[in-house]
Amino acid sequence: MSENLPQQGNGPAFRRWRARRPFWGGLLLTLGGAEILLTEKVSLKVAMHIGMQGMTGYLLPVLMMLCGLLILFSPGQRLFYSIVGILCSLGSWLTSNLGGFFIGLLLGIVGSCMTFGWLPDQEPRSERRRRKREAKTSTESLQPQS
């Protein structure tokens, strides 16, 4: 009997988990922070010798990655994390090689904006399109034919 049942993998569980949070925004913000951190040209010894100005080059991308991960695992505070994430992304323009050569900067900004605009209780687009089509066909059938 069990051989007739479809295989239940991790796909549906992951899909449900992903649907309850701003997954793509958090992922892009995390990737932006990682990209900036990997393209950092100043060694950590030199940055510590310079002081706090040198450490911000490492601090801002780490904060971006932390905000991205917190968005993924604690979506209830997504607005605060997205605001902190976009401020860190914009700050990396000055402190980290033009924001990781623009790539990390843009990933961070796009991810933060996607997170800020995410609505948890919004119905899927396919359902909205289907309802719109049904409403359109019902109004067309009610109108008299001339």
Protein backbone atom coordinates (compact mmCIF):
# COMPACT_ATOMS: atom_id res chain seq x y z
CA MET A 1 0.00 0.00 0.00
CA SER A 2 2.82 2.42 0.81
CA GLU A 3 4.31 2.00 -2.67
CA ASN A 4 1.23 3.68 -4.21
CA LEU A 5 1.66 6.82 -2.12
CA PRO A 6 3.69 9.69 -3.58
CA GLN A 7 7.09 10.31 -2.07
CA GLN A 8 7.05 13.09 0.53
CA GLY A 9 10.38 14.89 0.44
CA ASN A 10 11.68 18.04 2.05
CA GLY A 11 10.38 20.17 -0.82
CA PRO A 12 6.85 20.85 0.47
CA ALA A 13 8.06 21.54 4.03
CA PHE A 14 10.72 23.96 2.79
CA ARG A 15 8.19 25.62 0.47
CA ARG A 16 5.79 26.18 3.40
CA TRP A 17 8.61 27.54 5.57
CA ARG A 18 9.75 29.86 2.79
CA ALA A 19 6.23 31.16 2.15
CA ARG A 20 5.86 32.40 5.73
CA ARG A 21 8.82 34.76 5.60
CA PRO A 22 10.53 37.25 3.24
CA PHE A 23 12.92 34.57 2.01
CA TRP A 24 14.37 36.22 -1.09
CA GLY A 25 14.89 39.57 0.60
CA GLY A 26 16.74 38.01 3.53
CA LEU A 27 18.80 35.83 1.22
CA LEU A 28 19.84 38.77 -0.98
CA LEU A 29 20.77 40.87 2.04
CA THR A 30 22.87 38.01 3.44
CA LEU A 31 24.56 37.45 0.07
CA GLY A 32 25.27 41.18 -0.26
CA GLY A 33 26.98 41.25 3.13
CA ALA A 34 28.97 38.13 2.28
CA GLU A 35 30.09 39.59 -1.05
CA ILE A 36 31.25 42.82 0.57
CA LEU A 37 33.08 40.89 3.27
CA LEU A 38 34.84 38.67 0.72
CA THR A 39 35.99 41.62 -1.40
CA GLU A 40 37.40 43.54 1.56
CA LYS A 41 40.96 44.55 0.62
CA VAL A 42 42.26 45.69 4.01
CA SER A 43 43.66 42.93 6.19
CA LEU A 44 42.18 42.59 9.65
CA LYS A 45 45.52 43.46 11.32
CA VAL A 46 45.72 46.77 9.47
CA ALA A 47 42.05 47.55 10.14
CA MET A 48 42.54 46.97 13.87
CA HIS A 49 45.66 49.16 13.82
CA ILE A 50 43.77 52.02 12.15
CA GLY A 51 41.01 51.89 14.73
CA MET A 52 37.26 52.15 14.49
CA GLN A 53 37.33 53.69 11.00
CA GLY A 54 39.10 50.62 9.70
CA MET A 55 36.87 48.21 11.60
CA THR A 56 33.67 49.58 10.05
CA GLY A 57 34.75 48.00 6.78
CA TYR A 58 34.32 44.63 8.48
CA LEU A 59 31.52 45.58 10.85
CA LEU A 60 28.94 46.74 8.29
CA PRO A 61 29.01 43.61 6.09
CA VAL A 62 28.81 41.41 9.18
CA LEU A 63 25.78 43.39 10.35
CA MET A 64 24.23 43.02 6.88
CA MET A 65 24.69 39.26 7.02
CA LEU A 66 23.30 39.14 10.56
CA CYS A 67 20.24 41.19 9.56
CA GLY A 68 19.65 38.93 6.57
CA LEU A 69 19.79 35.80 8.71
CA LEU A 70 17.54 37.37 11.34
CA ILE A 71 15.03 38.24 8.63
CA LEU A 72 14.99 34.59 7.59
CA PHE A 73 14.67 33.13 11.07
CA SER A 74 12.74 35.87 12.88
CA PRO A 75 10.41 37.47 10.32
CA GLY A 76 8.30 39.22 12.96
CA GLN A 77 10.93 41.97 13.25
CA ARG A 78 11.54 42.25 9.51
CA LEU A 79 10.89 46.02 9.30
CA PHE A 80 13.58 46.89 11.82
CA TYR A 81 16.08 44.47 10.29
CA SER A 82 15.41 45.76 6.78
CA ILE A 83 15.98 49.37 7.85
CA VAL A 84 19.23 48.46 9.60
CA GLY A 85 20.21 46.38 6.56
CA ILE A 86 19.69 49.22 4.09
CA LEU A 87 21.60 51.65 6.31
CA CYS A 88 24.52 49.21 6.52
CA SER A 89 24.37 48.69 2.75
CA LEU A 90 24.52 52.41 2.10
CA GLY A 91 27.30 52.82 4.68
CA SER A 92 29.36 50.19 2.91
CA TRP A 93 29.65 52.58 -0.03
CA LEU A 94 32.18 54.57 2.01
CA THR A 95 33.81 51.89 4.11
CA SER A 96 34.15 48.78 1.93
CA ASN A 97 35.49 49.29 -1.59
CA LEU A 98 32.43 51.12 -2.92
CA GLY A 99 30.10 48.57 -1.37
CA GLY A 100 31.89 45.51 -2.65
CA PHE A 101 32.30 47.00 -6.13
CA PHE A 102 28.57 47.90 -6.28
CA ILE A 103 27.46 44.24 -6.32
CA GLY A 104 27.11 43.80 -2.55
CA LEU A 105 25.66 47.28 -2.23
CA LEU A 106 22.95 46.58 -4.80
CA LEU A 107 22.20 43.12 -3.39
CA GLY A 108 21.80 44.63 0.08
CA ILE A 109 19.56 47.46 -1.09
CA VAL A 110 17.33 45.20 -3.18
CA GLY A 111 17.09 42.60 -0.42
CA SER A 112 16.21 45.21 2.20
CA CYS A 113 13.57 46.78 -0.03
CA MET A 114 12.04 43.40 -0.81
CA THR A 115 11.89 42.62 2.89
CA PHE A 116 10.38 45.98 3.78
CA GLY A 117 7.65 45.56 1.18
CA TRP A 118 6.78 41.94 2.05
CA LEU A 119 3.27 41.37 3.39
CA PRO A 120 2.73 38.15 5.35
CA ASP A 121 -1.05 37.85 4.94
CA GLN A 122 -1.29 38.54 1.23
CA GLU A 123 -2.89 35.85 -0.89
CA PRO A 124 -0.86 34.41 -3.78
CA ARG A 125 -1.00 36.16 -7.13
CA SER A 126 -2.45 33.12 -8.86
CA GLU A 127 -5.49 33.30 -6.59
CA ARG A 128 -5.94 37.02 -7.26
CA ARG A 129 -5.70 36.47 -11.02
CA ARG A 130 -8.23 33.64 -10.86
CA ARG A 131 -10.70 35.75 -8.87
CA LYS A 132 -10.25 38.65 -11.29
CA ARG A 133 -10.96 36.38 -14.29
CA GLU A 134 -14.03 34.92 -12.60
CA ALA A 135 -15.36 38.39 -11.79
CA LYS A 136 -14.75 39.51 -15.36
CA THR A 137 -16.56 36.51 -16.88
CA SER A 138 -19.49 36.89 -14.47
CA THR A 139 -19.94 40.59 -15.34
CA GLU A 140 -19.72 39.79 -19.06
CA SER A 141 -22.43 37.14 -18.73
CA LEU A 142 -24.69 39.60 -16.87
CA GLN A 143 -24.42 42.30 -19.54
CA PRO A 144 -27.11 42.13 -22.28
CA GLN A 145 -25.88 41.13 -25.72
CA SER A 146 -26.65 43.65 -28.46
